Amino acid sequence: MSHFLQFPDNMIPYEVFIKDLSARIVCLLKSDKDDPEFISQRKAYELFGRRNVERWRKEGKVIPCKRPGKVEYKTSELRLLQRTVQDYFKPNK
């Protein structure tokens, strides 16, 4: 018996969905395996864009680690934010 996942535009067999998902996870793990645990603020600005890092920090999505003489960010948190689709328009209240 085959199970399907239904999306608004089509239906996908569960096995196909799982294989695609696992392939994407493996690809992301391979691409991030050499990343250091923390990077300097300068490097974060260079890799992710100064405005992005400052916006994420202002919105509380990333919290810097302050060490004597430097500010660092957790690379995995920045990568997650980089890959997340974000809505830059704030709803009117």
PDB file of N, CA and C in Angstrom:
ATOM      1  N   MET A   1       0.850  -1.176   0.000  1.00  0.00           N
ATOM      2  CA  MET A   1       0.000   0.000   0.000  1.00  0.00           C
ATOM      3  C   MET A   1       0.893   1.236   0.000  1.00  0.00           C
ATOM      4  N   SER A   2       0.698   2.109  -0.942  1.00  0.00           N
ATOM      5  CA  SER A   2       1.509   3.302  -1.081  1.00  0.00           C
ATOM      6  C   SER A   2       0.819   4.500  -0.427  1.00  0.00           C
ATOM      7  N   HIS A   3       1.602   5.302   0.274  1.00  0.00           N
ATOM      8  CA  HIS A   3       1.073   6.505   0.919  1.00  0.00           C
ATOM      9  C   HIS A   3       1.511   7.717   0.112  1.00  0.00           C
ATOM     10  N   PHE A   4       0.657   8.724   0.093  1.00  0.00           N
ATOM     11  CA  PHE A   4       0.949   9.930  -0.662  1.00  0.00           C
ATOM     12  C   PHE A   4       0.866  11.147   0.239  1.00  0.00           C
ATOM     13  N   LEU A   5       1.652  12.155  -0.097  1.00  0.00           N
ATOM     14  CA  LEU A   5       1.546  13.462   0.546  1.00  0.00           C
ATOM     15  C   LEU A   5       0.867  14.371  -0.460  1.00  0.00           C
ATOM     16  N   GLN A   6      -0.155  15.068  -0.014  1.00  0.00           N
ATOM     17  CA  GLN A   6      -0.872  15.939  -0.924  1.00  0.00           C
ATOM     18  C   GLN A   6      -0.494  17.387  -0.657  1.00  0.00           C
ATOM     19  N   PHE A   7      -0.042  18.046  -1.718  1.00  0.00           N
ATOM     20  CA  PHE A   7       0.278  19.463  -1.691  1.00  0.00           C
ATOM     21  C   PHE A   7      -0.765  20.182  -2.534  1.00  0.00           C
ATOM     22  N   PRO A   8      -0.880  21.486  -2.394  1.00  0.00           N
ATOM     23  CA  PRO A   8      -1.904  22.202  -3.163  1.00  0.00           C
ATOM     24  C   PRO A   8      -1.806  21.982  -4.681  1.00  0.00           C
ATOM     25  N   ASP A   9      -0.597  21.763  -5.194  1.00  0.00           N
ATOM     26  CA  ASP A   9      -0.446  21.646  -6.641  1.00  0.00           C
ATOM     27  C   ASP A   9      -0.299  20.214  -7.153  1.00  0.00           C
ATOM     28  N   ASN A  10       0.009  19.248  -6.282  1.00  0.00           N
ATOM     29  CA  ASN A  10       0.106  17.852  -6.733  1.00  0.00           C
ATOM     30  C   ASN A  10       0.235  16.886  -5.559  1.00  0.00           C
ATOM     31  N   MET A  11       0.236  15.590  -5.883  1.00  0.00           N
ATOM     32  CA  MET A  11       0.421  14.538  -4.883  1.00  0.00           C
ATOM     33  C   MET A  11       1.747  13.855  -5.163  1.00  0.00           C
ATOM     34  N   ILE A  12       2.479  13.530  -4.086  1.00  0.00           N
ATOM     35  CA  ILE A  12       3.784  12.893  -4.213  1.00  0.00           C
ATOM     36  C   ILE A  12       3.797  11.643  -3.346  1.00  0.00           C
ATOM     37  N   PRO A  13       4.285  10.526  -3.898  1.00  0.00           N
ATOM     38  CA  PRO A  13       4.421   9.330  -3.056  1.00  0.00           C
ATOM     39  C   PRO A  13       5.367   9.612  -1.880  1.00  0.00           C
ATOM     40  N   TYR A  14       5.025   9.097  -0.737  1.00  0.00           N
ATOM     41  CA  TYR A  14       5.803   9.326   0.484  1.00  0.00           C
ATOM     42  C   TYR A  14       7.258   8.912   0.298  1.00  0.00           C
ATOM     43  N   GLU A  15       7.509   7.784  -0.343  1.00  0.00           N
ATOM     44  CA  GLU A  15       8.877   7.296  -0.551  1.00  0.00           C
ATOM     45  C   GLU A  15       9.693   8.280  -1.382  1.00  0.00           C
ATOM     46  N   VAL A  16       9.096   8.874  -2.403  1.00  0.00           N
ATOM     47  CA  VAL A  16       9.787   9.858  -3.243  1.00  0.00           C
ATOM     48  C   VAL A  16      10.129  11.093  -2.413  1.00  0.00           C
ATOM     49  N   PHE A  17       9.188  11.538  -1.586  1.00  0.00           N
ATOM     50  CA  PHE A  17       9.411  12.696  -0.724  1.00  0.00           C
ATOM     51  C   PHE A  17      10.574  12.441   0.233  1.00  0.00           C
ATOM     52  N   ILE A  18      10.584  11.281   0.879  1.00  0.00           N
ATOM     53  CA  ILE A  18      11.632  10.951   1.843  1.00  0.00           C
ATOM     54  C   ILE A  18      13.000  10.855   1.166  1.00  0.00           C
ATOM     55  N   LYS A  19      13.067  10.230  -0.005  1.00  0.00           N
ATOM     56  CA  LYS A  19      14.344  10.121  -0.723  1.00  0.00           C
ATOM     57  C   LYS A  19      14.863  11.497  -1.117  1.00  0.00           C
ATOM     58  N   ASP A  20      13.997  12.366  -1.589  1.00  0.00           N
ATOM     59  CA  ASP A  20      14.410  13.714  -1.965  1.00  0.00           C
ATOM     60  C   ASP A  20      14.876  14.502  -0.744  1.00  0.00           C
ATOM     61  N   LEU A  21      14.125  14.411   0.333  1.00  0.00           N
ATOM     62  CA  LEU A  21      14.480  15.105   1.566  1.00  0.00           C
ATOM     63  C   LEU A  21      15.830  14.625   2.094  1.00  0.00           C
ATOM     64  N   SER A  22      16.039  13.316   2.137  1.00  0.00           N
ATOM     65  CA  SER A  22      17.303  12.793   2.660  1.00  0.00           C
ATOM     66  C   SER A  22      18.475  13.190   1.766  1.00  0.00           C
ATOM     67  N   ALA A  23      18.271  13.224   0.451  1.00  0.00           N
ATOM     68  CA  ALA A  23      19.342  13.640  -0.460  1.00  0.00           C
ATOM     69  C   ALA A  23      19.717  15.104  -0.217  1.00  0.00           C
ATOM     70  N   ARG A  24      18.720  15.932   0.019  1.00  0.00           N
ATOM     71  CA  ARG A  24      18.986  17.347   0.289  1.00  0.00           C
ATOM     72  C   ARG A  24      19.706  17.529   1.623  1.00  0.00           C
ATOM     73  N   ILE A  25      19.332  16.761   2.626  1.00  0.00           N
ATOM     74  CA  ILE A  25      19.988  16.847   3.931  1.00  0.00           C
ATOM     75  C   ILE A  25      21.444  16.440   3.816  1.00  0.00           C
ATOM     76  N   VAL A  26      21.715  15.354   3.115  1.00  0.00           N
ATOM     77  CA  VAL A  26      23.098  14.899   2.930  1.00  0.00           C
ATOM     78  C   VAL A  26      23.917  15.964   2.199  1.00  0.00           C
ATOM     79  N   CYS A  27      23.338  16.566   1.186  1.00  0.00           N
ATOM     80  CA  CYS A  27      24.017  17.620   0.429  1.00  0.00           C
ATOM     81  C   CYS A  27      24.365  18.805   1.335  1.00  0.00           C
ATOM     82  N   LEU A  28      23.421  19.234   2.166  1.00  0.00           N
ATOM     83  CA  LEU A  28      23.673  20.344   3.083  1.00  0.00           C
ATOM     84  C   LEU A  28      24.734  19.989   4.119  1.00  0.00           C
ATOM     85  N   LEU A  29      24.685  18.771   4.647  1.00  0.00           N
ATOM     86  CA  LEU A  29      25.693  18.345   5.613  1.00  0.00           C
ATOM     87  C   LEU A  29      27.087  18.347   5.000  1.00  0.00           C
ATOM     88  N   LYS A  30      27.196  17.879   3.769  1.00  0.00           N
ATOM     89  CA  LYS A  30      28.493  17.866   3.092  1.00  0.00           C
ATOM     90  C   LYS A  30      29.003  19.280   2.841  1.00  0.00           C
ATOM     91  N   SER A  31      28.108  20.175   2.455  1.00  0.00           N
ATOM     92  CA  SER A  31      28.544  21.539   2.151  1.00  0.00           C
ATOM     93  C   SER A  31      28.962  22.308   3.402  1.00  0.00           C
ATOM     94  N   ASP A  32      28.418  21.945   4.562  1.00  0.00           N
ATOM     95  CA  ASP A  32      28.715  22.657   5.808  1.00  0.00           C
ATOM     96  C   ASP A  32      29.744  21.963   6.685  1.00  0.00           C
ATOM     97  N   LYS A  33      30.249  20.811   6.287  1.00  0.00           N
ATOM     98  CA  LYS A  33      31.107  20.017   7.174  1.00  0.00           C
ATOM     99  C   LYS A  33      32.410  20.706   7.556  1.00  0.00           C
ATOM    100  N   ASP A  34      32.910  21.592   6.703  1.00  0.00           N
ATOM    101  CA  ASP A  34      34.178  22.254   7.001  1.00  0.00           C
ATOM    102  C   ASP A  34      34.005  23.610   7.670  1.00  0.00           C
ATOM    103  N   ASP A  35      32.768  24.000   7.943  1.00  0.00           N
ATOM    104  CA  ASP A  35      32.527  25.277   8.611  1.00  0.00           C
ATOM    105  C   ASP A  35      33.026  25.223  10.057  1.00  0.00           C
ATOM    106  N   PRO A  36      33.677  26.301  10.503  1.00  0.00           N
ATOM    107  CA  PRO A  36      34.049  26.361  11.925  1.00  0.00           C
ATOM    108  C   PRO A  36      32.797  26.575  12.777  1.00  0.00           C
ATOM    109  N   GLU A  37      32.879  26.253  14.054  1.00  0.00           N
ATOM    110  CA  GLU A  37      31.709  26.411  14.927  1.00  0.00           C
ATOM    111  C   GLU A  37      31.326  27.884  15.077  1.00  0.00           C
ATOM    112  N   PHE A  38      32.323  28.756  15.213  1.00  0.00           N
ATOM    113  CA  PHE A  38      32.092  30.189  15.342  1.00  0.00           C
ATOM    114  C   PHE A  38      32.914  30.939  14.296  1.00  0.00           C
ATOM    115  N   ILE A  39      32.377  32.083  13.839  1.00  0.00           N
ATOM    116  CA  ILE A  39      33.139  32.951  12.947  1.00  0.00           C
ATOM    117  C   ILE A  39      33.091  34.375  13.497  1.00  0.00           C
ATOM    118  N   SER A  40      34.111  35.152  13.155  1.00  0.00           N
ATOM    119  CA  SER A  40      34.186  36.531  13.629  1.00  0.00           C
ATOM    120  C   SER A  40      33.094  37.367  12.972  1.00  0.00           C
ATOM    121  N   GLN A  41      32.822  38.501  13.580  1.00  0.00           N
ATOM    122  CA  GLN A  41      31.815  39.399  13.031  1.00  0.00           C
ATOM    123  C   GLN A  41      32.235  39.863  11.635  1.00  0.00           C
ATOM    124  N   ARG A  42      33.510  40.138  11.451  1.00  0.00           N
ATOM    125  CA  ARG A  42      33.998  40.570  10.138  1.00  0.00           C
ATOM    126  C   ARG A  42      33.746  39.500   9.076  1.00  0.00           C
ATOM    127  N   LYS A  43      34.032  38.249   9.420  1.00  0.00           N
ATOM    128  CA  LYS A  43      33.818  37.144   8.483  1.00  0.00           C
ATOM    129  C   LYS A  43      32.320  36.940   8.231  1.00  0.00           C
ATOM    130  N   ALA A  44      31.502  37.091   9.256  1.00  0.00           N
ATOM    131  CA  ALA A  44      30.043  36.966   9.098  1.00  0.00           C
ATOM    132  C   ALA A  44      29.525  38.025   8.135  1.00  0.00           C
ATOM    133  N   TYR A  45      30.011  39.257   8.280  1.00  0.00           N
ATOM    134  CA  TYR A  45      29.619  40.325   7.361  1.00  0.00           C
ATOM    135  C   TYR A  45      30.040  39.989   5.935  1.00  0.00           C
ATOM    136  N   GLU A  46      31.233  39.439   5.803  1.00  0.00           N
ATOM    137  CA  GLU A  46      31.767  39.092   4.482  1.00  0.00           C
ATOM    138  C   GLU A  46      30.955  37.979   3.816  1.00  0.00           C
ATOM    139  N   LEU A  47      30.610  36.943   4.577  1.00  0.00           N
ATOM    140  CA  LEU A  47      29.918  35.778   4.015  1.00  0.00           C
ATOM    141  C   LEU A  47      28.417  35.987   3.825  1.00  0.00           C
ATOM    142  N   PHE A  48      27.778  36.681   4.759  1.00  0.00           N
ATOM    143  CA  PHE A  48      26.319  36.764   4.768  1.00  0.00           C
ATOM    144  C   PHE A  48      25.780  38.173   4.500  1.00  0.00           C
ATOM    145  N   GLY A  49      26.666  39.143   4.425  1.00  0.00           N
ATOM    146  CA  GLY A  49      26.256  40.528   4.200  1.00  0.00           C
ATOM    147  C   GLY A  49      26.033  41.258   5.515  1.00  0.00           C
ATOM    148  N   ARG A  50      26.649  42.405   5.617  1.00  0.00           N
ATOM    149  CA  ARG A  50      26.553  43.168   6.860  1.00  0.00           C
ATOM    150  C   ARG A  50      25.108  43.487   7.227  1.00  0.00           C
ATOM    151  N   ARG A  51      24.333  43.936   6.248  1.00  0.00           N
ATOM    152  CA  ARG A  51      22.932  44.294   6.540  1.00  0.00           C
ATOM    153  C   ARG A  51      22.120  43.095   6.999  1.00  0.00           C
ATOM    154  N   ASN A  52      22.363  41.934   6.417  1.00  0.00           N
ATOM    155  CA  ASN A  52      21.647  40.730   6.846  1.00  0.00           C
ATOM    156  C   ASN A  52      21.972  40.405   8.295  1.00  0.00           C
ATOM    157  N   VAL A  53      23.269  40.367   8.621  1.00  0.00           N
ATOM    158  CA  VAL A  53      23.682  40.014   9.988  1.00  0.00           C
ATOM    159  C   VAL A  53      23.134  41.030  10.982  1.00  0.00           C
ATOM    160  N   GLU A  54      23.238  42.305  10.652  1.00  0.00           N
ATOM    161  CA  GLU A  54      22.712  43.331  11.558  1.00  0.00           C
ATOM    162  C   GLU A  54      21.201  43.219  11.725  1.00  0.00           C
ATOM    163  N   ARG A  55      20.466  42.920  10.643  1.00  0.00           N
ATOM    164  CA  ARG A  55      19.011  42.763  10.735  1.00  0.00           C
ATOM    165  C   ARG A  55      18.657  41.542  11.599  1.00  0.00           C
ATOM    166  N   TRP A  56      19.344  40.416  11.360  1.00  0.00           N
ATOM    167  CA  TRP A  56      19.076  39.212  12.153  1.00  0.00           C
ATOM    168  C   TRP A  56      19.357  39.464  13.627  1.00  0.00           C
ATOM    169  N   ARG A  57      20.414  40.203  13.894  1.00  0.00           N
ATOM    170  CA  ARG A  57      20.761  40.518  15.283  1.00  0.00           C
ATOM    171  C   ARG A  57      19.700  41.427  15.902  1.00  0.00           C
ATOM    172  N   LYS A  58      19.274  42.449  15.158  1.00  0.00           N
ATOM    173  CA  LYS A  58      18.253  43.385  15.644  1.00  0.00           C
ATOM    174  C   LYS A  58      16.930  42.672  15.925  1.00  0.00           C
ATOM    175  N   GLU A  59      16.585  41.702  15.062  1.00  0.00           N
ATOM    176  CA  GLU A  59      15.334  40.956  15.219  1.00  0.00           C
ATOM    177  C   GLU A  59      15.453  39.839  16.262  1.00  0.00           C
ATOM    178  N   GLY A  60      16.637  39.639  16.830  1.00  0.00           N
ATOM    179  CA  GLY A  60      16.835  38.613  17.845  1.00  0.00           C
ATOM    180  C   GLY A  60      16.943  37.205  17.287  1.00  0.00           C
ATOM    181  N   LYS A  61      17.178  37.082  15.981  1.00  0.00           N
ATOM    182  CA  LYS A  61      17.283  35.765  15.356  1.00  0.00           C
ATOM    183  C   LYS A  61      18.656  35.149  15.537  1.00  0.00           C
ATOM    184  N   VAL A  62      19.650  35.985  15.811  1.00  0.00           N
ATOM    185  CA  VAL A  62      21.000  35.497  16.074  1.00  0.00           C
ATOM    186  C   VAL A  62      21.571  36.333  17.221  1.00  0.00           C
ATOM    187  N   ILE A  63      22.249  35.656  18.127  1.00  0.00           N
ATOM    188  CA  ILE A  63      22.832  36.333  19.282  1.00  0.00           C
ATOM    189  C   ILE A  63      24.339  36.154  19.224  1.00  0.00           C
ATOM    190  N   PRO A  64      25.080  37.260  19.198  1.00  0.00           N
ATOM    191  CA  PRO A  64      26.532  37.145  19.115  1.00  0.00           C
ATOM    192  C   PRO A  64      27.137  36.665  20.433  1.00  0.00           C
ATOM    193  N   CYS A  65      28.270  36.006  20.313  1.00  0.00           N
ATOM    194  CA  CYS A  65      29.062  35.612  21.478  1.00  0.00           C
ATOM    195  C   CYS A  65      30.148  36.660  21.640  1.00  0.00           C
ATOM    196  N   LYS A  66      30.114  37.355  22.729  1.00  0.00           N
ATOM    197  CA  LYS A  66      31.110  38.405  22.955  1.00  0.00           C
ATOM    198  C   LYS A  66      32.243  37.832  23.785  1.00  0.00           C
ATOM    199  N   ARG A  67      33.421  37.898  23.202  1.00  0.00           N
ATOM    200  CA  ARG A  67      34.639  37.437  23.870  1.00  0.00           C
ATOM    201  C   ARG A  67      35.560  38.649  24.006  1.00  0.00           C
ATOM    202  N   PRO A  68      36.522  38.601  24.891  1.00  0.00           N
ATOM    203  CA  PRO A  68      37.415  39.757  25.041  1.00  0.00           C
ATOM    204  C   PRO A  68      38.058  40.155  23.703  1.00  0.00           C
ATOM    205  N   GLY A  69      37.733  41.357  23.263  1.00  0.00           N
ATOM    206  CA  GLY A  69      38.349  41.879  22.052  1.00  0.00           C
ATOM    207  C   GLY A  69      37.692  41.462  20.747  1.00  0.00           C
ATOM    208  N   LYS A  70      36.633  40.625  20.792  1.00  0.00           N
ATOM    209  CA  LYS A  70      35.985  40.244  19.536  1.00  0.00           C
ATOM    210  C   LYS A  70      34.545  39.803  19.741  1.00  0.00           C
ATOM    211  N   VAL A  71      33.816  39.858  18.624  1.00  0.00           N
ATOM    212  CA  VAL A  71      32.425  39.417  18.590  1.00  0.00           C
ATOM    213  C   VAL A  71      32.350  38.283  17.583  1.00  0.00           C
ATOM    214  N   GLU A  72      31.747  37.173  17.983  1.00  0.00           N
ATOM    215  CA  GLU A  72      31.641  36.014  17.101  1.00  0.00           C
ATOM    216  C   GLU A  72      30.192  35.555  17.004  1.00  0.00           C
ATOM    217  N   TYR A  73      29.901  34.839  15.910  1.00  0.00           N
ATOM    218  CA  TYR A  73      28.571  34.283  15.682  1.00  0.00           C
ATOM    219  C   TYR A  73      28.687  32.795  15.435  1.00  0.00           C
ATOM    220  N   LYS A  74      27.675  32.053  15.837  1.00  0.00           N
ATOM    221  CA  LYS A  74      27.633  30.622  15.575  1.00  0.00           C
ATOM    222  C   LYS A  74      27.302  30.419  14.094  1.00  0.00           C
ATOM    223  N   THR A  75      28.187  29.763  13.381  1.00  0.00           N
ATOM    224  CA  THR A  75      28.053  29.599  11.939  1.00  0.00           C
ATOM    225  C   THR A  75      26.774  28.859  11.563  1.00  0.00           C
ATOM    226  N   SER A  76      26.412  27.829  12.305  1.00  0.00           N
ATOM    227  CA  SER A  76      25.214  27.053  11.973  1.00  0.00           C
ATOM    228  C   SER A  76      23.952  27.903  12.043  1.00  0.00           C
ATOM    229  N   GLU A  77      23.884  28.842  12.994  1.00  0.00           N
ATOM    230  CA  GLU A  77      22.720  29.728  13.094  1.00  0.00           C
ATOM    231  C   GLU A  77      22.638  30.660  11.880  1.00  0.00           C
ATOM    232  N   LEU A  78      23.784  31.175  11.453  1.00  0.00           N
ATOM    233  CA  LEU A  78      23.806  32.060  10.289  1.00  0.00           C
ATOM    234  C   LEU A  78      23.433  31.297   9.019  1.00  0.00           C
ATOM    235  N   ARG A  79      23.911  30.065   8.881  1.00  0.00           N
ATOM    236  CA  ARG A  79      23.569  29.245   7.711  1.00  0.00           C
ATOM    237  C   ARG A  79      22.065  28.967   7.669  1.00  0.00           C
ATOM    238  N   LEU A  80      21.479  28.679   8.820  1.00  0.00           N
ATOM    239  CA  LEU A  80      20.037  28.426   8.877  1.00  0.00           C
ATOM    240  C   LEU A  80      19.253  29.663   8.436  1.00  0.00           C
ATOM    241  N   LEU A  81      19.641  30.819   8.942  1.00  0.00           N
ATOM    242  CA  LEU A  81      18.959  32.054   8.552  1.00  0.00           C
ATOM    243  C   LEU A  81      19.158  32.352   7.071  1.00  0.00           C
ATOM    244  N   GLN A  82      20.333  32.038   6.557  1.00  0.00           N
ATOM    245  CA  GLN A  82      20.624  32.254   5.138  1.00  0.00           C
ATOM    246  C   GLN A  82      19.692  31.417   4.262  1.00  0.00           C
ATOM    247  N   ARG A  83      19.364  30.234   4.707  1.00  0.00           N
ATOM    248  CA  ARG A  83      18.547  29.307   3.915  1.00  0.00           C
ATOM    249  C   ARG A  83      17.049  29.457   4.162  1.00  0.00           C
ATOM    250  N   THR A  84      16.664  30.292   5.112  1.00  0.00           N
ATOM    251  CA  THR A  84      15.259  30.473   5.453  1.00  0.00           C
ATOM    252  C   THR A  84      14.663  31.602   4.624  1.00  0.00           C
ATOM    253  N   VAL A  85      13.530  31.333   3.997  1.00  0.00           N
ATOM    254  CA  VAL A  85      12.830  32.384   3.268  1.00  0.00           C
ATOM    255  C   VAL A  85      12.259  33.339   4.303  1.00  0.00           C
ATOM    256  N   GLN A  86      12.565  34.622   4.135  1.00  0.00           N
ATOM    257  CA  GLN A  86      12.149  35.604   5.131  1.00  0.00           C
ATOM    258  C   GLN A  86      11.251  36.652   4.507  1.00  0.00           C
ATOM    259  N   ASP A  87      10.278  37.082   5.272  1.00  0.00           N
ATOM    260  CA  ASP A  87       9.384  38.135   4.829  1.00  0.00           C
ATOM    261  C   ASP A  87       9.922  39.452   5.370  1.00  0.00           C
ATOM    262  N   TYR A  88      10.355  40.311   4.482  1.00  0.00           N
ATOM    263  CA  TYR A  88      10.972  41.563   4.902  1.00  0.00           C
ATOM    264  C   TYR A  88       9.958  42.675   5.141  1.00  0.00           C
ATOM    265  N   PHE A  89       8.710  42.412   4.795  1.00  0.00           N
ATOM    266  CA  PHE A  89       7.672  43.412   5.015  1.00  0.00           C
ATOM    267  C   PHE A  89       6.975  43.118   6.326  1.00  0.00           C
ATOM    268  N   LYS A  90       6.930  44.112   7.168  1.00  0.00           N
ATOM    269  CA  LYS A  90       6.281  43.939   8.465  1.00  0.00           C
ATOM    270  C   LYS A  90       4.795  44.237   8.312  1.00  0.00           C
ATOM    271  N   PRO A  91       3.938  43.401   8.891  1.00  0.00           N
ATOM    272  CA  PRO A  91       2.492  43.661   8.775  1.00  0.00           C
ATOM    273  C   PRO A  91       2.105  44.932   9.524  1.00  0.00           C
ATOM    274  N   ASN A  92       1.145  45.643   8.977  1.00  0.00           N
ATOM    275  CA  ASN A  92       0.652  46.859   9.631  1.00  0.00           C
ATOM    276  C   ASN A  92      -0.169  46.459  10.843  1.00  0.00           C
ATOM    277  N   LYS A  93       0.076  47.122  11.936  1.00  0.00           N
ATOM    278  CA  LYS A  93      -0.675  46.811  13.168  1.00  0.00           C
ATOM    279  C   LYS A  93      -1.667  47.878  13.470  1.00  0.00           C
TER     280      LYS A  93
END
